[in-house]
C-alpha atoms as a PDB file:
ATOM      1  CA  MET A   1     -52.308  99.560 -73.410  1.00  0.00           C
ATOM      2  CA  THR A   2     -51.022 102.217 -71.080  1.00  0.00           C
ATOM      3  CA  GLU A   3     -47.937 100.535 -69.571  1.00  0.00           C
ATOM      4  CA  ALA A   4     -44.998  98.943 -71.359  1.00  0.00           C
ATOM      5  CA  SER A   5     -44.645  95.246 -70.755  1.00  0.00           C
ATOM      6  CA  PRO A   6     -41.236  93.648 -70.271  1.00  0.00           C
ATOM      7  CA  ARG A   7     -42.647  90.518 -71.907  1.00  0.00           C
ATOM      8  CA  GLY A   8     -43.768  92.298 -75.055  1.00  0.00           C
ATOM      9  CA  THR A   9     -47.197  93.785 -75.497  1.00  0.00           C
ATOM     10  CA  TYR A  10     -48.108  91.295 -78.203  1.00  0.00           C
ATOM     11  CA  MET A  11     -47.348  88.386 -75.814  1.00  0.00           C
ATOM     12  CA  VAL A  12     -49.533  89.962 -73.122  1.00  0.00           C
ATOM     13  CA  ILE A  13     -52.371  90.216 -75.658  1.00  0.00           C
ATOM     14  CA  ALA A  14     -51.805  86.624 -76.835  1.00  0.00           C
ATOM     15  CA  THR A  15     -51.891  85.366 -73.242  1.00  0.00           C
ATOM     16  CA  SER A  16     -55.099  87.271 -72.566  1.00  0.00           C
ATOM     17  CA  ILE A  17     -56.827  85.933 -75.681  1.00  0.00           C
ATOM     18  CA  ARG A  18     -55.630  82.392 -74.863  1.00  0.00           C
ATOM     19  CA  SER A  19     -57.113  82.749 -71.364  1.00  0.00           C
ATOM     20  CA  GLU A  20     -60.427  83.942 -72.776  1.00  0.00           C
ATOM     21  CA  ILE A  21     -60.521  80.952 -75.132  1.00  0.00           C
ATOM     22  CA  ASP A  22     -59.596  78.516 -72.332  1.00  0.00           C
ATOM     23  CA  GLY A  23     -62.203  80.116 -70.069  1.00  0.00           C
ATOM     24  CA  GLY A  24     -64.903  79.794 -72.716  1.00  0.00           C
ATOM     25  CA  SER A  25     -65.640  83.493 -73.145  1.00  0.00           C
ATOM     26  CA  ILE A  26     -64.408  83.191 -76.745  1.00  0.00           C
ATOM     27  CA  SER A  27     -65.593  79.977 -78.356  1.00  0.00           C
ATOM     28  CA  GLU A  28     -65.868  80.664 -82.074  1.00  0.00           C
ATOM     29  CA  ALA A  29     -65.061  83.993 -83.722  1.00  0.00           C
ATOM     30  CA  LEU A  30     -62.522  86.354 -82.189  1.00  0.00           C
ATOM     31  CA  PRO A  31     -63.184  90.089 -82.109  1.00  0.00           C
ATOM     32  CA  SER A  32     -62.026  91.864 -85.260  1.00  0.00           C
ATOM     33  CA  GLU A  33     -58.468  93.165 -85.459  1.00  0.00           C
ATOM     34  CA  ALA A  34     -59.875  96.703 -85.325  1.00  0.00           C
ATOM     35  CA  ALA A  35     -61.805  95.896 -82.137  1.00  0.00           C
ATOM     36  CA  LEU A  36     -58.701  94.356 -80.558  1.00  0.00           C
ATOM     37  CA  MET A  37     -56.690  97.439 -81.550  1.00  0.00           C
ATOM     38  CA  ARG A  38     -59.219  99.696 -79.828  1.00  0.00           C
ATOM     39  CA  SER A  39     -59.572  97.570 -76.693  1.00  0.00           C
ATOM     40  CA  TRP A  40     -55.804  97.268 -76.190  1.00  0.00           C
ATOM     41  CA  ASN A  41     -54.934 100.712 -77.601  1.00  0.00           C
ATOM     42  CA  VAL A  42     -52.214  99.235 -79.829  1.00  0.00           C
ATOM     43  CA  SER A  43     -51.342  99.129 -83.521  1.00  0.00           C
ATOM     44  CA  ARG A  44     -52.628  96.547 -85.997  1.00  0.00           C
ATOM     45  CA  ASN A  45     -49.097  95.118 -86.213  1.00  0.00           C
ATOM     46  CA  THR A  46     -49.089  94.383 -82.473  1.00  0.00           C
ATOM     47  CA  VAL A  47     -52.485  92.680 -82.691  1.00  0.00           C
ATOM     48  CA  ARG A  48     -51.361  90.606 -85.682  1.00  0.00           C
ATOM     49  CA  ARG A  49     -48.191  89.503 -83.884  1.00  0.00           C
ATOM     50  CA  ALA A  50     -50.319  88.296 -80.971  1.00  0.00           C
ATOM     51  CA  LEU A  51     -52.663  86.436 -83.304  1.00  0.00           C
ATOM     52  CA  LYS A  52     -49.726  84.872 -85.176  1.00  0.00           C
ATOM     53  CA  VAL A  53     -48.365  83.514 -81.870  1.00  0.00           C
ATOM     54  CA  LEU A  54     -51.734  81.871 -81.194  1.00  0.00           C
ATOM     55  CA  GLU A  55     -51.909  80.604 -84.773  1.00  0.00           C
ATOM     56  CA  ALA A  56     -48.452  79.021 -84.466  1.00  0.00           C
ATOM     57  CA  GLU A  57     -49.659  77.250 -81.320  1.00  0.00           C
ATOM     58  CA  GLY A  58     -52.680  75.915 -83.200  1.00  0.00           C
ATOM     59  CA  ILE A  59     -55.154  77.825 -81.024  1.00  0.00           C
ATOM     60  CA  VAL A  60     -56.627  80.116 -83.694  1.00  0.00           C
ATOM     61  CA  ASP A  61     -56.715  80.259 -87.461  1.00  0.00           C
ATOM     62  CA  SER A  62     -57.822  82.834 -89.985  1.00  0.00           C
ATOM     63  CA  SER A  63     -59.905  82.686 -93.120  1.00  0.00           C
ATOM     64  CA  PRO A  64     -59.971  85.463 -95.701  1.00  0.00           C
ATOM     65  CA  GLY A  65     -63.220  87.349 -95.433  1.00  0.00           C
ATOM     66  CA  VAL A  66     -64.181  85.545 -92.231  1.00  0.00           C
ATOM     67  CA  GLY A  67     -61.546  86.670 -89.743  1.00  0.00           C
ATOM     68  CA  TRP A  68     -59.867  84.925 -86.834  1.00  0.00           C
ATOM     69  CA  ARG A  69     -61.584  81.931 -85.264  1.00  0.00           C
ATOM     70  CA  VAL A  70     -60.829  79.419 -82.533  1.00  0.00           C
ATOM     71  CA  ALA A  71     -59.170  76.453 -84.222  1.00  0.00           C
ATOM     72  CA  GLY A  72     -61.139  73.227 -84.429  1.00  0.00           C
ATOM     73  CA  GLY A  73     -60.475  70.359 -82.090  1.00  0.00           C
ATOM     74  CA  ALA A  74     -60.598  70.120 -78.356  1.00  0.00           C
ATOM     75  CA  GLU A  75     -56.846  70.465 -77.761  1.00  0.00           C
ATOM     76  CA  ARG A  76     -56.027  74.005 -76.685  1.00  0.00           C
ATOM     77  CA  ARG A  77     -53.069  73.494 -74.373  1.00  0.00           C
ATOM     78  CA  PRO A  78     -49.886  75.338 -75.329  1.00  0.00           C
ATOM     79  CA  LEU A  79     -47.733  73.406 -77.792  1.00  0.00           C
ATOM     80  CA  VAL A  80     -44.887  73.010 -75.308  1.00  0.00           C
ATOM     81  CA  ASP A  81     -47.268  71.298 -72.858  1.00  0.00           C
ATOM     82  CA  ARG A  82     -48.501  68.934 -75.559  1.00  0.00           C
ATOM     83  CA  MET A  83     -44.931  68.150 -76.583  1.00  0.00           C
ATOM     84  CA  MET A  84     -43.921  67.449 -72.973  1.00  0.00           C
ATOM     85  CA  ALA A  85     -46.884  65.067 -72.746  1.00  0.00           C
ATOM     86  CA  LEU A  86     -45.274  63.031 -75.545  1.00  0.00           C
ATOM     87  CA  ILE A  87     -42.745  61.789 -73.023  1.00  0.00           C
ATOM     88  CA  THR A  88     -45.583  60.021 -71.209  1.00  0.00           C
ATOM     89  CA  MET A  89     -47.665  59.092 -74.249  1.00  0.00           C
ATOM     90  CA  ASP A  90     -44.681  57.570 -76.064  1.00  0.00           C
ATOM     91  CA  SER A  91     -43.278  56.033 -72.826  1.00  0.00           C
ATOM     92  CA  LEU A  92     -39.958  57.833 -73.278  1.00  0.00           C
ATOM     93  CA  ARG A  93     -37.286  57.584 -70.612  1.00  0.00           C
ATOM     94  CA  VAL A  94     -34.101  59.526 -69.924  1.00  0.00           C
ATOM     95  CA  GLY A  95     -31.705  58.939 -72.833  1.00  0.00           C
ATOM     96  CA  ASP A  96     -34.424  58.026 -75.360  1.00  0.00           C
ATOM     97  CA  VAL A  97     -34.569  59.864 -78.684  1.00  0.00           C
ATOM     98  CA  PHE A  98     -37.248  62.582 -78.835  1.00  0.00           C
ATOM     99  CA  PRO A  99     -39.260  62.821 -82.113  1.00  0.00           C
ATOM    100  CA  SER A 100     -37.731  64.919 -84.903  1.00  0.00           C
ATOM    101  CA  GLU A 101     -38.925  68.416 -85.808  1.00  0.00           C
ATOM    102  CA  SER A 102     -40.619  67.133 -88.962  1.00  0.00           C
ATOM    103  CA  LYS A 103     -42.459  64.388 -87.050  1.00  0.00           C
ATOM    104  CA  LEU A 104     -43.584  66.925 -84.432  1.00  0.00           C
ATOM    105  CA  CYS A 105     -44.831  69.321 -87.145  1.00  0.00           C
ATOM    106  CA  GLU A 106     -46.837  66.511 -88.716  1.00  0.00           C
ATOM    107  CA  ARG A 107     -48.164  65.174 -85.410  1.00  0.00           C
ATOM    108  CA  PHE A 108     -49.375  68.548 -84.113  1.00  0.00           C
ATOM    109  CA  GLY A 109     -50.187  70.252 -87.413  1.00  0.00           C
ATOM    110  CA  VAL A 110     -48.098  73.320 -86.599  1.00  0.00           C
ATOM    111  CA  SER A 111     -45.210  75.170 -88.231  1.00  0.00           C
ATOM    112  CA  ARG A 112     -41.550  74.261 -87.794  1.00  0.00           C
ATOM    113  CA  THR A 113     -41.067  77.658 -86.135  1.00  0.00           C
ATOM    114  CA  ALA A 114     -43.632  76.807 -83.446  1.00  0.00           C
ATOM    115  CA  VAL A 115     -42.012  73.403 -82.885  1.00  0.00           C
ATOM    116  CA  ARG A 116     -38.550  74.963 -82.610  1.00  0.00           C
ATOM    117  CA  ARG A 117     -39.793  77.482 -80.034  1.00  0.00           C
ATOM    118  CA  ALA A 118     -41.315  74.709 -77.922  1.00  0.00           C
ATOM    119  CA  LEU A 119     -38.164  72.557 -78.249  1.00  0.00           C
ATOM    120  CA  ALA A 120     -36.002  75.510 -77.190  1.00  0.00           C
ATOM    121  CA  GLN A 121     -38.229  75.995 -74.149  1.00  0.00           C
ATOM    122  CA  MET A 122     -37.955  72.294 -73.274  1.00  0.00           C
ATOM    123  CA  GLU A 123     -34.160  72.441 -73.680  1.00  0.00           C
ATOM    124  CA  GLY A 124     -34.045  75.588 -71.548  1.00  0.00           C
ATOM    125  CA  ASN A 125     -35.996  73.781 -68.827  1.00  0.00           C
ATOM    126  CA  GLY A 126     -33.466  70.938 -68.898  1.00  0.00           C
ATOM    127  CA  LEU A 127     -35.829  68.324 -70.344  1.00  0.00           C
ATOM    128  CA  LEU A 128     -34.010  67.729 -73.646  1.00  0.00           C
ATOM    129  CA  ASP A 129     -30.423  67.578 -74.890  1.00  0.00           C
ATOM    130  CA  THR A 130     -29.372  68.169 -78.488  1.00  0.00           C
ATOM    131  CA  VAL A 131     -26.848  65.721 -79.877  1.00  0.00           C
ATOM    132  CA  PRO A 132     -25.321  67.076 -83.111  1.00  0.00           C
ATOM    133  CA  GLY A 133     -26.175  64.801 -86.012  1.00  0.00           C
ATOM    134  CA  LYS A 134     -28.438  62.615 -83.884  1.00  0.00           C
ATOM    135  CA  GLY A 135     -31.299  64.889 -82.832  1.00  0.00           C
ATOM    136  CA  ARG A 136     -32.660  65.422 -79.360  1.00  0.00           C
ATOM    137  CA  THR A 137     -32.755  63.056 -76.425  1.00  0.00           C
ATOM    138  CA  VAL A 138     -34.721  63.130 -73.200  1.00  0.00           C
ATOM    139  CA  ARG A 139     -32.464  64.569 -70.497  1.00  0.00           C
ATOM    140  CA  ALA A 140     -34.954  64.593 -67.621  1.00  0.00           C
ATOM    141  CA  LEU A 141     -38.593  63.771 -67.040  1.00  0.00           C
ATOM    142  CA  PRO A 142     -41.054  66.632 -66.479  1.00  0.00           C
ATOM    143  CA  ALA A 143     -41.768  67.234 -62.788  1.00  0.00           C
ATOM    144  CA  SER A 144     -45.268  65.781 -63.188  1.00  0.00           C
ATOM    145  CA  LEU A 145     -43.738  62.450 -64.320  1.00  0.00           C
ATOM    146  CA  GLU A 146     -40.983  62.037 -61.748  1.00  0.00           C
ATOM    147  CA  GLY A 147     -41.459  59.603 -58.927  1.00  0.00           C
ATOM    148  CA  PRO A 148     -41.731  60.627 -55.229  1.00  0.00           C
END
């Protein structure tokens, strides 16, 4: 990669790989880490950080001796999008309790770190409030769910 990215080079790589998976140009095995290093002109650490982001989102997984592969299942939307969809799927309204971190980890099969990142993003967008000792509540409905 020739130019520095304000977003972080590893995030740029993760976004690119995610787009290739969503677009269907990568459907099973990802290129090797060495191939990704060469194509992006970055270190192995940068490539691994990008892959770990995608792994935390449930988009890819790795197997020793096999390499990185597109994770099974048809769901490839970012975790935050899937978590926002819970508001509709669970018929939540403003003021309702949002599922706990442990329930979200179990429901989506992802790490607590990934869930916390998505929750922080939802809080930052004004969708959730944190009530100490009581968890999170729905503060506002996503734009796609609001009425006219």
